[in-house]
Full PDB file with SEQRES, HELIX, SHEET, SSBOND, CRYST1, ORIGX, SCALE, CONECT and MASTER records, all heavy atoms in Angstrom:
SEQRES   1 A   29  ASN ILE ASN LYS ILE ARG ASP LEU PHE GLN LYS SER ILE          
SEQRES   2 A   29  LEU TYR PHE LYS SER LYS LYS MET ASN TYR GLU ARG GLY          
SEQRES   3 A   29  GLU LEU MET                                                  
HELIX    1 AA1 ILE A    2  SER A   18  1                                  17    
HELIX    2 AA2 ASN A   22  LEU A   28  1                                   7    
CRYST1    1.000    1.000    1.000  90.00  90.00  90.00 P 1           1          
ORIGX1      1.000000  0.000000  0.000000        0.00000                         
ORIGX2      0.000000  1.000000  0.000000        0.00000                         
ORIGX3      0.000000  0.000000  1.000000        0.00000                         
SCALE1      1.000000  0.000000  0.000000        0.00000                         
SCALE2      0.000000  1.000000  0.000000        0.00000                         
SCALE3      0.000000  0.000000  1.000000        0.00000                         
ATOM      1  N   ASN A   1     103.468  70.328  33.850  1.00  0.00           N  
ATOM      2  CA  ASN A   1     104.454  71.323  33.453  1.00  0.00           C  
ATOM      3  C   ASN A   1     105.233  71.732  34.698  1.00  0.00           C  
ATOM      4  O   ASN A   1     104.809  72.565  35.463  1.00  0.00           O  
ATOM      5  CB  ASN A   1     103.731  72.535  32.811  1.00  0.00           C  
ATOM      6  CG  ASN A   1     104.697  73.603  32.385  1.00  0.00           C  
ATOM      7  OD1 ASN A   1     105.851  73.655  32.775  1.00  0.00           O  
ATOM      8  ND2 ASN A   1     104.222  74.524  31.605  1.00  0.00           N  
ATOM      9  N   ILE A   2     106.339  71.089  34.910  1.00  0.00           N  
ATOM     10  CA  ILE A   2     107.066  71.244  36.166  1.00  0.00           C  
ATOM     11  C   ILE A   2     107.492  72.665  36.413  1.00  0.00           C  
ATOM     12  O   ILE A   2     107.499  73.091  37.550  1.00  0.00           O  
ATOM     13  CB  ILE A   2     108.249  70.251  36.257  1.00  0.00           C  
ATOM     14  CG1 ILE A   2     108.731  70.100  37.673  1.00  0.00           C  
ATOM     15  CG2 ILE A   2     109.344  70.601  35.295  1.00  0.00           C  
ATOM     16  CD1 ILE A   2     109.539  68.878  37.954  1.00  0.00           C  
ATOM     17  N   ASN A   3     107.826  73.439  35.383  1.00  0.00           N  
ATOM     18  CA  ASN A   3     108.269  74.809  35.555  1.00  0.00           C  
ATOM     19  C   ASN A   3     107.103  75.658  36.019  1.00  0.00           C  
ATOM     20  O   ASN A   3     107.286  76.514  36.914  1.00  0.00           O  
ATOM     21  CB  ASN A   3     108.853  75.367  34.293  1.00  0.00           C  
ATOM     22  CG  ASN A   3     110.141  74.695  33.909  1.00  0.00           C  
ATOM     23  OD1 ASN A   3     110.952  74.343  34.825  1.00  0.00           O  
ATOM     24  ND2 ASN A   3     110.419  74.517  32.635  1.00  0.00           N  
ATOM     25  N   LYS A   4     105.939  75.463  35.445  1.00  0.00           N  
ATOM     26  CA  LYS A   4     104.733  76.222  35.944  1.00  0.00           C  
ATOM     27  C   LYS A   4     104.353  75.839  37.345  1.00  0.00           C  
ATOM     28  O   LYS A   4     103.986  76.716  38.148  1.00  0.00           O  
ATOM     29  CB  LYS A   4     103.551  75.934  34.983  1.00  0.00           C  
ATOM     30  CG  LYS A   4     102.322  76.648  35.305  1.00  0.00           C  
ATOM     31  CD  LYS A   4     102.444  78.168  35.122  1.00  0.00           C  
ATOM     32  CE  LYS A   4     101.078  78.819  35.337  1.00  0.00           C  
ATOM     33  NZ  LYS A   4     101.198  80.242  35.421  1.00  0.00           N  
ATOM     34  N   ILE A   5     104.437  74.573  37.699  1.00  0.00           N  
ATOM     35  CA  ILE A   5     104.140  74.146  39.044  1.00  0.00           C  
ATOM     36  C   ILE A   5     105.120  74.720  40.036  1.00  0.00           C  
ATOM     37  O   ILE A   5     104.665  75.236  41.110  1.00  0.00           O  
ATOM     38  CB  ILE A   5     104.161  72.580  39.078  1.00  0.00           C  
ATOM     39  CG1 ILE A   5     103.038  72.011  38.253  1.00  0.00           C  
ATOM     40  CG2 ILE A   5     103.981  72.078  40.545  1.00  0.00           C  
ATOM     41  CD1 ILE A   5     103.194  70.552  37.828  1.00  0.00           C  
ATOM     42  N   ARG A   6     106.350  74.669  39.744  1.00  0.00           N  
ATOM     43  CA  ARG A   6     107.343  75.270  40.608  1.00  0.00           C  
ATOM     44  C   ARG A   6     107.182  76.783  40.798  1.00  0.00           C  
ATOM     45  O   ARG A   6     107.329  77.303  41.887  1.00  0.00           O  
ATOM     46  CB  ARG A   6     108.802  74.973  40.089  1.00  0.00           C  
ATOM     47  CG  ARG A   6     109.196  73.543  40.328  1.00  0.00           C  
ATOM     48  CD  ARG A   6     110.574  73.300  39.676  1.00  0.00           C  
ATOM     49  NE  ARG A   6     111.031  71.926  39.970  1.00  0.00           N  
ATOM     50  CZ  ARG A   6     111.956  71.341  39.312  1.00  0.00           C  
ATOM     51  NH1 ARG A   6     112.570  71.948  38.301  1.00  0.00           N  
ATOM     52  NH2 ARG A   6     112.278  70.119  39.643  1.00  0.00           N  
ATOM     53  N   ASP A   7     106.841  77.431  39.702  1.00  0.00           N  
ATOM     54  CA  ASP A   7     106.538  78.852  39.728  1.00  0.00           C  
ATOM     55  C   ASP A   7     105.365  79.160  40.653  1.00  0.00           C  
ATOM     56  O   ASP A   7     105.422  80.119  41.474  1.00  0.00           O  
ATOM     57  CB  ASP A   7     106.297  79.378  38.303  1.00  0.00           C  
ATOM     58  CG  ASP A   7     106.096  80.888  38.268  1.00  0.00           C  
ATOM     59  OD1 ASP A   7     106.984  81.640  38.794  1.00  0.00           O  
ATOM     60  OD2 ASP A   7     105.029  81.283  37.765  1.00  0.00           O  
ATOM     61  N   LEU A   8     104.354  78.341  40.599  1.00  0.00           N  
ATOM     62  CA  LEU A   8     103.156  78.575  41.427  1.00  0.00           C  
ATOM     63  C   LEU A   8     103.479  78.285  42.911  1.00  0.00           C  
ATOM     64  O   LEU A   8     103.061  79.054  43.802  1.00  0.00           O  
ATOM     65  CB  LEU A   8     101.988  77.671  40.992  1.00  0.00           C  
ATOM     66  CG  LEU A   8     101.240  78.181  39.777  1.00  0.00           C  
ATOM     67  CD1 LEU A   8     100.153  77.166  39.377  1.00  0.00           C  
ATOM     68  CD2 LEU A   8     100.641  79.555  40.048  1.00  0.00           C  
ATOM     69  N   PHE A   9     104.247  77.243  43.173  1.00  0.00           N  
ATOM     70  CA  PHE A   9     104.680  77.057  44.568  1.00  0.00           C  
ATOM     71  C   PHE A   9     105.446  78.242  45.033  1.00  0.00           C  
ATOM     72  O   PHE A   9     105.207  78.721  46.185  1.00  0.00           O  
ATOM     73  CB  PHE A   9     105.523  75.760  44.675  1.00  0.00           C  
ATOM     74  CG  PHE A   9     104.742  74.541  44.909  1.00  0.00           C  
ATOM     75  CD1 PHE A   9     104.812  73.460  43.982  1.00  0.00           C  
ATOM     76  CD2 PHE A   9     103.978  74.333  46.036  1.00  0.00           C  
ATOM     77  CE1 PHE A   9     104.091  72.339  44.200  1.00  0.00           C  
ATOM     78  CE2 PHE A   9     103.257  73.163  46.257  1.00  0.00           C  
ATOM     79  CZ  PHE A   9     103.320  72.120  45.326  1.00  0.00           C  
ATOM     80  N   GLN A  10     106.378  78.728  44.283  1.00  0.00           N  
ATOM     81  CA  GLN A  10     107.160  79.866  44.746  1.00  0.00           C  
ATOM     82  C   GLN A  10     106.329  81.133  44.923  1.00  0.00           C  
ATOM     83  O   GLN A  10     106.453  81.813  45.946  1.00  0.00           O  
ATOM     84  CB  GLN A  10     108.255  80.160  43.683  1.00  0.00           C  
ATOM     85  CG  GLN A  10     109.267  81.177  44.129  1.00  0.00           C  
ATOM     86  CD  GLN A  10     110.431  81.314  43.194  1.00  0.00           C  
ATOM     87  OE1 GLN A  10     110.309  81.021  42.010  1.00  0.00           O  
ATOM     88  NE2 GLN A  10     111.545  81.826  43.647  1.00  0.00           N  
ATOM     89  N   LYS A  11     105.418  81.418  43.962  1.00  0.00           N  
ATOM     90  CA  LYS A  11     104.542  82.582  44.162  1.00  0.00           C  
ATOM     91  C   LYS A  11     103.651  82.408  45.357  1.00  0.00           C  
ATOM     92  O   LYS A  11     103.488  83.418  46.080  1.00  0.00           O  
ATOM     93  CB  LYS A  11     103.682  82.733  42.882  1.00  0.00           C  
ATOM     94  CG  LYS A  11     104.346  83.319  41.689  1.00  0.00           C  
ATOM     95  CD  LYS A  11     103.316  83.441  40.562  1.00  0.00           C  
ATOM     96  CE  LYS A  11     103.944  84.050  39.361  1.00  0.00           C  
ATOM     97  NZ  LYS A  11     102.966  84.134  38.258  1.00  0.00           N  
ATOM     98  N   SER A  12     103.128  81.235  45.576  1.00  0.00           N  
ATOM     99  CA  SER A  12     102.226  81.086  46.735  1.00  0.00           C  
ATOM    100  C   SER A  12     102.987  81.245  48.050  1.00  0.00           C  
ATOM    101  O   SER A  12     102.495  81.851  48.993  1.00  0.00           O  
ATOM    102  CB  SER A  12     101.516  79.747  46.700  1.00  0.00           C  
ATOM    103  OG  SER A  12     102.436  78.682  46.771  1.00  0.00           O  
ATOM    104  N   ILE A  13     104.215  80.764  48.129  1.00  0.00           N  
ATOM    105  CA  ILE A  13     105.019  80.879  49.328  1.00  0.00           C  
ATOM    106  C   ILE A  13     105.348  82.333  49.570  1.00  0.00           C  
ATOM    107  O   ILE A  13     105.267  82.838  50.697  1.00  0.00           O  
ATOM    108  CB  ILE A  13     106.248  79.983  49.215  1.00  0.00           C  
ATOM    109  CG1 ILE A  13     105.797  78.528  49.384  1.00  0.00           C  
ATOM    110  CG2 ILE A  13     107.319  80.344  50.290  1.00  0.00           C  
ATOM    111  CD1 ILE A  13     106.864  77.473  49.014  1.00  0.00           C  
ATOM    112  N   LEU A  14     105.706  83.064  48.556  1.00  0.00           N  
ATOM    113  CA  LEU A  14     106.031  84.491  48.692  1.00  0.00           C  
ATOM    114  C   LEU A  14     104.803  85.262  49.048  1.00  0.00           C  
ATOM    115  O   LEU A  14     104.883  86.223  49.848  1.00  0.00           O  
ATOM    116  CB  LEU A  14     106.617  85.010  47.389  1.00  0.00           C  
ATOM    117  CG  LEU A  14     108.039  84.551  47.086  1.00  0.00           C  
ATOM    118  CD1 LEU A  14     108.473  85.028  45.689  1.00  0.00           C  
ATOM    119  CD2 LEU A  14     109.033  84.992  48.160  1.00  0.00           C  
ATOM    120  N   TYR A  15     103.637  84.865  48.538  1.00  0.00           N  
ATOM    121  CA  TYR A  15     102.350  85.508  48.860  1.00  0.00           C  
ATOM    122  C   TYR A  15     102.124  85.416  50.376  1.00  0.00           C  
ATOM    123  O   TYR A  15     101.798  86.447  51.019  1.00  0.00           O  
ATOM    124  CB  TYR A  15     101.242  84.878  48.055  1.00  0.00           C  
ATOM    125  CG  TYR A  15      99.865  85.304  48.501  1.00  0.00           C  
ATOM    126  CD1 TYR A  15      99.284  86.462  47.942  1.00  0.00           C  
ATOM    127  CD2 TYR A  15      99.079  84.591  49.354  1.00  0.00           C  
ATOM    128  CE1 TYR A  15      97.987  86.895  48.251  1.00  0.00           C  
ATOM    129  CE2 TYR A  15      97.796  85.000  49.692  1.00  0.00           C  
ATOM    130  CZ  TYR A  15      97.274  86.125  49.127  1.00  0.00           C  
ATOM    131  OH  TYR A  15      96.009  86.524  49.503  1.00  0.00           O  
ATOM    132  N   PHE A  16     102.245  84.224  50.884  1.00  0.00           N  
ATOM    133  CA  PHE A  16     101.936  84.023  52.338  1.00  0.00           C  
ATOM    134  C   PHE A  16     103.037  84.656  53.196  1.00  0.00           C  
ATOM    135  O   PHE A  16     102.757  85.083  54.331  1.00  0.00           O  
ATOM    136  CB  PHE A  16     101.699  82.571  52.661  1.00  0.00           C  
ATOM    137  CG  PHE A  16     100.362  82.080  52.166  1.00  0.00           C  
ATOM    138  CD1 PHE A  16     100.279  81.205  51.112  1.00  0.00           C  
ATOM    139  CD2 PHE A  16      99.202  82.554  52.748  1.00  0.00           C  
ATOM    140  CE1 PHE A  16      99.028  80.770  50.645  1.00  0.00           C  
ATOM    141  CE2 PHE A  16      97.956  82.129  52.288  1.00  0.00           C  
ATOM    142  CZ  PHE A  16      97.875  81.251  51.215  1.00  0.00           C  
ATOM    143  N   LYS A  17     104.243  84.701  52.706  1.00  0.00           N  
ATOM    144  CA  LYS A  17     105.284  85.392  53.432  1.00  0.00           C  
ATOM    145  C   LYS A  17     104.949  86.847  53.602  1.00  0.00           C  
ATOM    146  O   LYS A  17     105.119  87.426  54.644  1.00  0.00           O  
ATOM    147  CB  LYS A  17     106.645  85.181  52.764  1.00  0.00           C  
ATOM    148  CG  LYS A  17     107.789  85.795  53.502  1.00  0.00           C  
ATOM    149  CD  LYS A  17     109.130  85.511  52.832  1.00  0.00           C  
ATOM    150  CE  LYS A  17     110.255  86.083  53.620  1.00  0.00           C  
ATOM    151  NZ  LYS A  17     111.554  85.794  53.023  1.00  0.00           N  
ATOM    152  N   SER A  18     104.521  87.497  52.470  1.00  0.00           N  
ATOM    153  CA  SER A  18     104.217  88.893  52.515  1.00  0.00           C  
ATOM    154  C   SER A  18     103.010  89.180  53.423  1.00  0.00           C  
ATOM    155  O   SER A  18     102.904  90.309  53.953  1.00  0.00           O  
ATOM    156  CB  SER A  18     103.897  89.424  51.119  1.00  0.00           C  
ATOM    157  OG  SER A  18     102.649  88.975  50.641  1.00  0.00           O  
ATOM    158  N   LYS A  19     102.151  88.217  53.602  1.00  0.00           N  
ATOM    159  CA  LYS A  19     100.952  88.394  54.530  1.00  0.00           C  
ATOM    160  C   LYS A  19     101.249  87.953  55.935  1.00  0.00           C  
ATOM    161  O   LYS A  19     100.395  87.982  56.772  1.00  0.00           O  
ATOM    162  CB  LYS A  19      99.754  87.598  53.962  1.00  0.00           C  
ATOM    163  CG  LYS A  19      99.401  87.864  52.565  1.00  0.00           C  
ATOM    164  CD  LYS A  19      98.941  89.275  52.375  1.00  0.00           C  
ATOM    165  CE  LYS A  19      98.481  89.498  50.934  1.00  0.00           C  
ATOM    166  NZ  LYS A  19      98.246  90.916  50.595  1.00  0.00           N  
ATOM    167  N   LYS A  20     102.502  87.488  56.180  1.00  0.00           N  
ATOM    168  CA  LYS A  20     102.939  87.005  57.477  1.00  0.00           C  
ATOM    169  C   LYS A  20     102.066  85.851  57.985  1.00  0.00           C  
ATOM    170  O   LYS A  20     101.766  85.720  59.163  1.00  0.00           O  
ATOM    171  CB  LYS A  20     102.944  88.138  58.496  1.00  0.00           C  
ATOM    172  CG  LYS A  20     103.964  89.216  58.155  1.00  0.00           C  
ATOM    173  CD  LYS A  20     104.112  90.249  59.204  1.00  0.00           C  
ATOM    174  CE  LYS A  20     104.993  91.401  58.910  1.00  0.00           C  
ATOM    175  NZ  LYS A  20     105.958  91.386  57.924  1.00  0.00           N  
ATOM    176  N   MET A  21     101.742  84.993  57.010  1.00  0.00           N  
ATOM    177  CA  MET A  21     100.940  83.794  57.359  1.00  0.00           C  
ATOM    178  C   MET A  21     101.895  82.582  57.297  1.00  0.00           C  
ATOM    179  O   MET A  21     101.914  81.839  56.284  1.00  0.00           O  
ATOM    180  CB  MET A  21      99.741  83.661  56.354  1.00  0.00           C  
ATOM    181  CG  MET A  21      98.775  84.847  56.452  1.00  0.00           C  
ATOM    182  SD  MET A  21      97.471  84.792  55.225  1.00  0.00           S  
ATOM    183  CE  MET A  21      96.474  83.432  55.857  1.00  0.00           C  
ATOM    184  N   ASN A  22     102.592  82.411  58.353  1.00  0.00           N  
ATOM    185  CA  ASN A  22     103.693  81.418  58.372  1.00  0.00           C  
ATOM    186  C   ASN A  22     103.200  79.962  58.392  1.00  0.00           C  
ATOM    187  O   ASN A  22     103.831  79.106  57.816  1.00  0.00           O  
ATOM    188  CB  ASN A  22     104.551  81.649  59.595  1.00  0.00           C  
ATOM    189  CG  ASN A  22     105.260  82.953  59.517  1.00  0.00           C  
ATOM    190  OD1 ASN A  22     105.621  83.399  58.415  1.00  0.00           O  
ATOM    191  ND2 ASN A  22     105.497  83.607  60.636  1.00  0.00           N  
ATOM    192  N   TYR A  23     102.056  79.694  58.980  1.00  0.00           N  
ATOM    193  CA  TYR A  23     101.559  78.303  58.973  1.00  0.00           C  
ATOM    194  C   TYR A  23     101.202  77.898  57.542  1.00  0.00           C  
ATOM    195  O   TYR A  23     101.666  76.791  57.108  1.00  0.00           O  
ATOM    196  CB  TYR A  23     100.315  78.199  59.858  1.00  0.00           C  
ATOM    197  CG  TYR A  23      99.733  76.813  59.829  1.00  0.00           C  
ATOM    198  CD1 TYR A  23     100.253  75.822  60.542  1.00  0.00           C  
ATOM    199  CD2 TYR A  23      98.619  76.526  59.028  1.00  0.00           C  
ATOM    200  CE1 TYR A  23      99.768  74.480  60.564  1.00  0.00           C  
ATOM    201  CE2 TYR A  23      98.092  75.206  58.934  1.00  0.00           C  
ATOM    202  CZ  TYR A  23      98.680  74.247  59.714  1.00  0.00           C  
ATOM    203  OH  TYR A  23      98.163  72.971  59.637  1.00  0.00           O  
ATOM    204  N   GLU A  24     100.555  78.702  56.826  1.00  0.00           N  
ATOM    205  CA  GLU A  24     100.177  78.414  55.427  1.00  0.00           C  
ATOM    206  C   GLU A  24     101.444  78.293  54.538  1.00  0.00           C  
ATOM    207  O   GLU A  24     101.502  77.400  53.698  1.00  0.00           O  
ATOM    208  CB  GLU A  24      99.227  79.427  54.856  1.00  0.00           C  
ATOM    209  CG  GLU A  24      97.847  79.429  55.494  1.00  0.00           C  
ATOM    210  CD  GLU A  24      97.719  80.138  56.839  1.00  0.00           C  
ATOM    211  OE1 GLU A  24      98.740  80.633  57.367  1.00  0.00           O  
ATOM    212  OE2 GLU A  24      96.584  80.159  57.356  1.00  0.00           O  
ATOM    213  N   ARG A  25     102.370  79.188  54.789  1.00  0.00           N  
ATOM    214  CA  ARG A  25     103.615  79.141  54.030  1.00  0.00           C  
ATOM    215  C   ARG A  25     104.383  77.830  54.287  1.00  0.00           C  
ATOM    216  O   ARG A  25     104.879  77.186  53.401  1.00  0.00           O  
ATOM    217  CB  ARG A  25     104.460  80.322  54.431  1.00  0.00           C  
ATOM    218  CG  ARG A  25     105.799  80.432  53.596  1.00  0.00           C  
ATOM    219  CD  ARG A  25     106.425  81.782  53.789  1.00  0.00           C  
ATOM    220  NE  ARG A  25     106.683  82.053  55.134  1.00  0.00           N  
ATOM    221  CZ  ARG A  25     107.900  82.236  55.666  1.00  0.00           C  
ATOM    222  NH1 ARG A  25     108.955  82.159  54.866  1.00  0.00           N  
ATOM    223  NH2 ARG A  25     108.135  82.584  56.924  1.00  0.00           N  
ATOM    224  N   GLY A  26     104.374  77.404  55.533  1.00  0.00           N  
ATOM    225  CA  GLY A  26     105.029  76.145  55.891  1.00  0.00           C  
ATOM    226  C   GLY A  26     104.322  74.957  55.208  1.00  0.00           C  
ATOM    227  O   GLY A  26     104.976  74.025  54.790  1.00  0.00           O  
ATOM    228  N   GLU A  27     102.997  75.018  55.206  1.00  0.00           N  
ATOM    229  CA  GLU A  27     102.286  73.917  54.600  1.00  0.00           C  
ATOM    230  C   GLU A  27     102.558  73.790  53.105  1.00  0.00           C  
ATOM    231  O   GLU A  27     102.696  72.724  52.564  1.00  0.00           O  
ATOM    232  CB  GLU A  27     100.764  74.069  54.882  1.00  0.00           C  
ATOM    233  CG  GLU A  27     100.282  73.845  56.273  1.00  0.00           C  
ATOM    234  CD  GLU A  27     100.414  72.397  56.690  1.00  0.00           C  
ATOM    235  OE1 GLU A  27      99.966  71.543  55.919  1.00  0.00           O  
ATOM    236  OE2 GLU A  27     100.970  72.147  57.786  1.00  0.00           O  
ATOM    237  N   LEU A  28     102.649  74.956  52.480  1.00  0.00           N  
ATOM    238  CA  LEU A  28     102.990  74.954  51.033  1.00  0.00           C  
ATOM    239  C   LEU A  28     104.412  74.515  50.773  1.00  0.00           C  
ATOM    240  O   LEU A  28     104.673  73.769  49.794  1.00  0.00           O  
ATOM    241  CB  LEU A  28     102.749  76.377  50.458  1.00  0.00           C  
ATOM    242  CG  LEU A  28     101.290  76.660  50.165  1.00  0.00           C  
ATOM    243  CD1 LEU A  28     101.070  78.171  50.024  1.00  0.00           C  
ATOM    244  CD2 LEU A  28     100.839  75.939  48.952  1.00  0.00           C  
ATOM    245  N   MET A  29     105.334  74.883  51.639  1.00  0.00           N  
ATOM    246  CA  MET A  29     106.693  74.435  51.494  1.00  0.00           C  
ATOM    247  C   MET A  29     106.804  72.907  51.671  1.00  0.00           C  
ATOM    248  O   MET A  29     107.496  72.225  50.939  1.00  0.00           O  
ATOM    249  CB  MET A  29     107.626  75.132  52.509  1.00  0.00           C  
ATOM    250  CG  MET A  29     107.815  76.605  52.210  1.00  0.00           C  
ATOM    251  SD  MET A  29     108.628  77.497  53.532  1.00  0.00           S  
ATOM    252  CE  MET A  29     110.323  77.018  53.177  1.00  0.00           C  
TER     253      MET A  29                                                      
MASTER        0    0    0    2    0    0    0    6  252    1    0    3          
END                                                                             
């Protein structure tokens, strides 16, 4: 389900951005 997958990628990236965890955010991107 490409829409659900994209949504999860976006949520996870925003999650790590809010926690200032740039390495993890970069890995997810």
